[in-house]
């Protein structure tokens, strides 16, 4: 008996990163006189969580997970979840060189290939624009929401649900990634 012919999996390209979300949100801009530095009293609020995401820049398809920390154990759980979510394709995952991403203990799923960006080049990873957009939305939240981590979580979940694939593709669709012929 011969082996069944292997069916070629489609190749998909995703950009991945994590961002810390918490109560210590950016203060936003302040209007002052020229040469006068703006002052704002900020209480040190250190409650936060990590949002992991992978976005396909050409389609805006996305995979999100929330964790309490950024480490190789959580990244492994994210990789496994991502692999199951896109089980029918071979997935090229573009990411930075964070220690969690390069840990020797990682078990890379068979349908995931990691592609590392050069060190200290966040501008090459288009998902950074997604984090910038998400955090600008958080900055505009009312003070009552910004003082409770559960309220911030709920607001972030609403923002994520509101992103359309077209918006995500627009935010992450860098030409150097979208013009690659994957076929």
C-alpha atoms as a PDB file:
ATOM      1  CA  UNK A   1       0.000   0.000   0.000  1.00  0.00           C
ATOM      2  CA  UNK A   2       1.293   3.434  -0.892  1.00  0.00           C
ATOM      3  CA  UNK A   3       1.065   6.468   1.353  1.00  0.00           C
ATOM      4  CA  UNK A   4      -1.718   8.945   0.817  1.00  0.00           C
ATOM      5  CA  UNK A   5      -0.507  12.037  -1.013  1.00  0.00           C
ATOM      6  CA  UNK A   6       0.216  14.957   1.280  1.00  0.00           C
ATOM      7  CA  UNK A   7      -2.015  17.964   0.784  1.00  0.00           C
ATOM      8  CA  UNK A   8      -0.120  21.251   0.785  1.00  0.00           C
ATOM      9  CA  UNK A   9      -1.194  23.545   3.579  1.00  0.00           C
ATOM     10  CA  UNK A  10      -1.789  27.210   2.784  1.00  0.00           C
ATOM     11  CA  UNK A  11       0.930  29.506   4.163  1.00  0.00           C
ATOM     12  CA  UNK A  12      -0.227  32.409   6.337  1.00  0.00           C
ATOM     13  CA  UNK A  13       1.830  35.244   7.793  1.00  0.00           C
ATOM     14  CA  UNK A  14       1.025  36.729  11.216  1.00  0.00           C
ATOM     15  CA  UNK A  15       2.658  39.402  13.368  1.00  0.00           C
ATOM     16  CA  UNK A  16       2.745  38.679  17.103  1.00  0.00           C
ATOM     17  CA  UNK A  17       3.501  40.682  20.232  1.00  0.00           C
ATOM     18  CA  UNK A  18       2.339  41.287  23.778  1.00  0.00           C
ATOM     19  CA  UNK A  19       1.378  44.465  25.596  1.00  0.00           C
ATOM     20  CA  UNK A  20       0.944  45.237  29.265  1.00  0.00           C
ATOM     21  CA  UNK A  21      -2.467  46.699  30.066  1.00  0.00           C
ATOM     22  CA  UNK A  22      -3.193  48.119  33.476  1.00  0.00           C
ATOM     23  CA  UNK A  23      -4.140  50.997  35.708  1.00  0.00           C
ATOM     24  CA  UNK A  24      -0.985  53.011  35.069  1.00  0.00           C
ATOM     25  CA  UNK A  25      -2.234  54.313  31.729  1.00  0.00           C
ATOM     26  CA  UNK A  26      -0.628  57.059  29.647  1.00  0.00           C
ATOM     27  CA  UNK A  27      -1.676  60.507  30.843  1.00  0.00           C
ATOM     28  CA  UNK A  28      -2.159  61.911  27.367  1.00  0.00           C
ATOM     29  CA  UNK A  29      -1.245  65.404  26.238  1.00  0.00           C
ATOM     30  CA  UNK A  30      -1.497  68.514  28.413  1.00  0.00           C
ATOM     31  CA  UNK A  31      -1.816  72.090  27.196  1.00  0.00           C
ATOM     32  CA  UNK A  32       0.711  74.473  28.794  1.00  0.00           C
ATOM     33  CA  UNK A  33       2.546  77.665  27.978  1.00  0.00           C
ATOM     34  CA  UNK A  34       5.649  77.381  25.781  1.00  0.00           C
ATOM     35  CA  UNK A  35       8.612  76.110  27.795  1.00  0.00           C
ATOM     36  CA  UNK A  36       6.455  75.012  30.754  1.00  0.00           C
ATOM     37  CA  UNK A  37       6.457  71.288  31.459  1.00  0.00           C
ATOM     38  CA  UNK A  38       3.011  69.889  32.246  1.00  0.00           C
ATOM     39  CA  UNK A  39       2.496  68.530  35.736  1.00  0.00           C
ATOM     40  CA  UNK A  40       0.155  65.737  36.665  1.00  0.00           C
ATOM     41  CA  UNK A  41      -0.048  63.931  39.965  1.00  0.00           C
ATOM     42  CA  UNK A  42      -0.118  60.194  39.328  1.00  0.00           C
ATOM     43  CA  UNK A  43      -0.659  57.587  41.975  1.00  0.00           C
ATOM     44  CA  UNK A  44       1.505  54.511  41.329  1.00  0.00           C
ATOM     45  CA  UNK A  45      -1.075  51.904  40.380  1.00  0.00           C
ATOM     46  CA  UNK A  46       0.691  48.675  39.496  1.00  0.00           C
ATOM     47  CA  UNK A  47      -2.194  46.359  38.714  1.00  0.00           C
ATOM     48  CA  UNK A  48      -1.928  45.011  35.192  1.00  0.00           C
ATOM     49  CA  UNK A  49      -2.193  42.018  32.893  1.00  0.00           C
ATOM     50  CA  UNK A  50      -0.678  41.045  29.548  1.00  0.00           C
ATOM     51  CA  UNK A  51      -2.529  40.869  26.261  1.00  0.00           C
ATOM     52  CA  UNK A  52      -0.992  38.549  23.661  1.00  0.00           C
ATOM     53  CA  UNK A  53      -2.061  38.888  20.023  1.00  0.00           C
ATOM     54  CA  UNK A  54      -1.223  37.681  16.538  1.00  0.00           C
ATOM     55  CA  UNK A  55      -2.678  39.481  13.512  1.00  0.00           C
ATOM     56  CA  UNK A  56      -2.567  38.545   9.850  1.00  0.00           C
ATOM     57  CA  UNK A  57      -1.796  41.911   8.163  1.00  0.00           C
ATOM     58  CA  UNK A  58      -3.400  41.033   4.832  1.00  0.00           C
ATOM     59  CA  UNK A  59      -6.787  39.923   6.214  1.00  0.00           C
ATOM     60  CA  UNK A  60      -6.979  41.345   9.738  1.00  0.00           C
ATOM     61  CA  UNK A  61      -7.654  37.871  11.134  1.00  0.00           C
ATOM     62  CA  UNK A  62      -6.515  37.874  14.774  1.00  0.00           C
ATOM     63  CA  UNK A  63      -5.929  35.610  17.747  1.00  0.00           C
ATOM     64  CA  UNK A  64      -5.950  37.140  21.267  1.00  0.00           C
ATOM     65  CA  UNK A  65      -5.255  35.760  24.753  1.00  0.00           C
ATOM     66  CA  UNK A  66      -4.897  37.383  28.155  1.00  0.00           C
ATOM     67  CA  UNK A  67      -2.295  36.332  30.739  1.00  0.00           C
ATOM     68  CA  UNK A  68      -1.108  37.503  34.127  1.00  0.00           C
ATOM     69  CA  UNK A  69       2.525  37.722  33.033  1.00  0.00           C
ATOM     70  CA  UNK A  70       4.924  37.660  30.114  1.00  0.00           C
ATOM     71  CA  UNK A  71       7.111  34.562  30.249  1.00  0.00           C
ATOM     72  CA  UNK A  72       7.903  31.440  28.250  1.00  0.00           C
ATOM     73  CA  UNK A  73       5.199  29.377  29.997  1.00  0.00           C
ATOM     74  CA  UNK A  74       2.442  31.798  28.977  1.00  0.00           C
ATOM     75  CA  UNK A  75       3.953  32.183  25.507  1.00  0.00           C
ATOM     76  CA  UNK A  76       3.901  28.387  25.125  1.00  0.00           C
ATOM     77  CA  UNK A  77       0.184  28.366  25.988  1.00  0.00           C
ATOM     78  CA  UNK A  78      -0.362  31.147  23.432  1.00  0.00           C
ATOM     79  CA  UNK A  79       1.593  29.239  20.744  1.00  0.00           C
ATOM     80  CA  UNK A  80      -0.420  26.077  21.384  1.00  0.00           C
ATOM     81  CA  UNK A  81      -3.708  28.010  21.264  1.00  0.00           C
ATOM     82  CA  UNK A  82      -2.620  29.822  18.076  1.00  0.00           C
ATOM     83  CA  UNK A  83      -1.574  26.530  16.488  1.00  0.00           C
ATOM     84  CA  UNK A  84      -4.978  24.946  17.205  1.00  0.00           C
ATOM     85  CA  UNK A  85      -6.827  28.083  16.049  1.00  0.00           C
ATOM     86  CA  UNK A  86      -5.074  27.954  12.657  1.00  0.00           C
ATOM     87  CA  UNK A  87      -4.609  24.191  12.414  1.00  0.00           C
ATOM     88  CA  UNK A  88      -5.380  24.048   8.684  1.00  0.00           C
ATOM     89  CA  UNK A  89      -2.443  26.230   7.620  1.00  0.00           C
ATOM     90  CA  UNK A  90       1.301  26.591   7.994  1.00  0.00           C
ATOM     91  CA  UNK A  91       1.721  29.807   9.989  1.00  0.00           C
ATOM     92  CA  UNK A  92       4.726  32.103   9.793  1.00  0.00           C
ATOM     93  CA  UNK A  93       4.793  34.119  13.007  1.00  0.00           C
ATOM     94  CA  UNK A  94       6.840  37.361  12.918  1.00  0.00           C
ATOM     95  CA  UNK A  95       7.920  38.414  16.411  1.00  0.00           C
ATOM     96  CA  UNK A  96      10.588  40.209  18.399  1.00  0.00           C
ATOM     97  CA  UNK A  97      13.437  38.738  20.435  1.00  0.00           C
ATOM     98  CA  UNK A  98      11.774  38.923  23.857  1.00  0.00           C
ATOM     99  CA  UNK A  99      13.211  36.359  26.276  1.00  0.00           C
ATOM    100  CA  UNK A 100       9.866  34.522  26.340  1.00  0.00           C
ATOM    101  CA  UNK A 101      10.046  34.100  22.544  1.00  0.00           C
ATOM    102  CA  UNK A 102      13.551  32.655  22.422  1.00  0.00           C
ATOM    103  CA  UNK A 103      13.414  30.390  25.475  1.00  0.00           C
ATOM    104  CA  UNK A 104      15.016  27.019  24.835  1.00  0.00           C
ATOM    105  CA  UNK A 105      12.156  25.248  26.632  1.00  0.00           C
ATOM    106  CA  UNK A 106       9.612  26.265  23.982  1.00  0.00           C
ATOM    107  CA  UNK A 107       8.041  23.466  21.953  1.00  0.00           C
ATOM    108  CA  UNK A 108       7.136  25.024  18.615  1.00  0.00           C
ATOM    109  CA  UNK A 109       4.009  23.410  17.097  1.00  0.00           C
ATOM    110  CA  UNK A 110       4.501  21.692  13.728  1.00  0.00           C
ATOM    111  CA  UNK A 111       2.298  24.203  11.884  1.00  0.00           C
ATOM    112  CA  UNK A 112       4.084  27.294  13.272  1.00  0.00           C
ATOM    113  CA  UNK A 113       7.375  28.776  12.069  1.00  0.00           C
ATOM    114  CA  UNK A 114       8.899  31.592  14.129  1.00  0.00           C
ATOM    115  CA  UNK A 115      10.592  34.447  12.262  1.00  0.00           C
ATOM    116  CA  UNK A 116      12.501  36.855  14.491  1.00  0.00           C
ATOM    117  CA  UNK A 117      12.844  40.544  13.709  1.00  0.00           C
ATOM    118  CA  UNK A 118      16.220  42.213  14.325  1.00  0.00           C
ATOM    119  CA  UNK A 119      16.768  43.254  17.962  1.00  0.00           C
ATOM    120  CA  UNK A 120      15.628  46.715  19.046  1.00  0.00           C
ATOM    121  CA  UNK A 121      13.437  47.299  15.976  1.00  0.00           C
ATOM    122  CA  UNK A 122       9.845  47.546  17.236  1.00  0.00           C
ATOM    123  CA  UNK A 123       9.008  49.790  14.279  1.00  0.00           C
ATOM    124  CA  UNK A 124       9.314  46.738  12.018  1.00  0.00           C
ATOM    125  CA  UNK A 125       6.510  44.890  13.810  1.00  0.00           C
ATOM    126  CA  UNK A 126       3.194  46.373  12.662  1.00  0.00           C
ATOM    127  CA  UNK A 127       1.329  45.038  15.668  1.00  0.00           C
ATOM    128  CA  UNK A 128       2.964  47.883  17.619  1.00  0.00           C
ATOM    129  CA  UNK A 129       0.521  50.190  15.798  1.00  0.00           C
ATOM    130  CA  UNK A 130      -2.339  48.069  17.129  1.00  0.00           C
ATOM    131  CA  UNK A 131      -1.073  48.500  20.702  1.00  0.00           C
ATOM    132  CA  UNK A 132      -0.719  52.251  20.119  1.00  0.00           C
ATOM    133  CA  UNK A 133      -4.299  52.465  18.851  1.00  0.00           C
ATOM    134  CA  UNK A 134      -5.666  50.332  21.698  1.00  0.00           C
ATOM    135  CA  UNK A 135      -3.839  52.374  24.350  1.00  0.00           C
ATOM    136  CA  UNK A 136      -5.008  55.665  22.834  1.00  0.00           C
ATOM    137  CA  UNK A 137      -8.584  54.367  23.238  1.00  0.00           C
ATOM    138  CA  UNK A 138      -7.804  53.481  26.859  1.00  0.00           C
ATOM    139  CA  UNK A 139      -6.409  56.949  27.516  1.00  0.00           C
ATOM    140  CA  UNK A 140      -9.803  58.419  26.656  1.00  0.00           C
ATOM    141  CA  UNK A 141     -11.685  56.320  29.215  1.00  0.00           C
ATOM    142  CA  UNK A 142     -13.410  57.999  32.133  1.00  0.00           C
ATOM    143  CA  UNK A 143     -11.540  58.136  35.425  1.00  0.00           C
ATOM    144  CA  UNK A 144     -14.078  55.766  37.004  1.00  0.00           C
ATOM    145  CA  UNK A 145     -13.122  53.066  34.505  1.00  0.00           C
ATOM    146  CA  UNK A 146      -9.403  53.769  34.777  1.00  0.00           C
ATOM    147  CA  UNK A 147      -9.289  53.066  38.524  1.00  0.00           C
ATOM    148  CA  UNK A 148     -10.523  49.461  38.367  1.00  0.00           C
ATOM    149  CA  UNK A 149      -8.603  46.694  36.601  1.00  0.00           C
ATOM    150  CA  UNK A 150     -11.800  44.727  35.996  1.00  0.00           C
ATOM    151  CA  UNK A 151     -13.387  47.800  34.368  1.00  0.00           C
ATOM    152  CA  UNK A 152     -10.274  48.297  32.200  1.00  0.00           C
ATOM    153  CA  UNK A 153     -10.408  44.604  31.207  1.00  0.00           C
ATOM    154  CA  UNK A 154     -14.056  44.962  30.242  1.00  0.00           C
ATOM    155  CA  UNK A 155     -13.311  48.095  28.196  1.00  0.00           C
ATOM    156  CA  UNK A 156     -10.392  46.380  26.426  1.00  0.00           C
ATOM    157  CA  UNK A 157     -12.588  43.386  25.618  1.00  0.00           C
ATOM    158  CA  UNK A 158     -15.135  45.783  24.100  1.00  0.00           C
ATOM    159  CA  UNK A 159     -12.442  47.503  22.018  1.00  0.00           C
ATOM    160  CA  UNK A 160     -11.136  44.150  20.766  1.00  0.00           C
ATOM    161  CA  UNK A 161     -14.616  42.987  19.798  1.00  0.00           C
ATOM    162  CA  UNK A 162     -15.223  46.298  17.996  1.00  0.00           C
ATOM    163  CA  UNK A 163     -12.125  45.988  15.789  1.00  0.00           C
ATOM    164  CA  UNK A 164     -13.176  44.798  12.365  1.00  0.00           C
ATOM    165  CA  UNK A 165     -10.796  42.690  10.281  1.00  0.00           C
ATOM    166  CA  UNK A 166     -10.529  45.674   7.917  1.00  0.00           C
ATOM    167  CA  UNK A 167      -9.409  47.962  10.791  1.00  0.00           C
ATOM    168  CA  UNK A 168      -6.842  45.412  11.975  1.00  0.00           C
ATOM    169  CA  UNK A 169      -5.535  44.966   8.432  1.00  0.00           C
ATOM    170  CA  UNK A 170      -5.314  48.745   8.030  1.00  0.00           C
ATOM    171  CA  UNK A 171      -3.355  49.102  11.279  1.00  0.00           C
ATOM    172  CA  UNK A 172      -0.971  46.221  10.618  1.00  0.00           C
ATOM    173  CA  UNK A 173      -0.824  46.090   6.818  1.00  0.00           C
ATOM    174  CA  UNK A 174       2.755  47.232   6.233  1.00  0.00           C
ATOM    175  CA  UNK A 175       3.578  46.994   2.512  1.00  0.00           C
ATOM    176  CA  UNK A 176       6.774  45.029   3.148  1.00  0.00           C
ATOM    177  CA  UNK A 177       4.625  42.254   4.629  1.00  0.00           C
ATOM    178  CA  UNK A 178       1.509  42.501   2.457  1.00  0.00           C
ATOM    179  CA  UNK A 179       3.426  42.416  -0.826  1.00  0.00           C
ATOM    180  CA  UNK A 180       5.058  39.062  -0.078  1.00  0.00           C
ATOM    181  CA  UNK A 181       3.867  36.287  -2.371  1.00  0.00           C
ATOM    182  CA  UNK A 182       3.200  33.344  -0.062  1.00  0.00           C
ATOM    183  CA  UNK A 183       2.101  30.958  -2.804  1.00  0.00           C
END
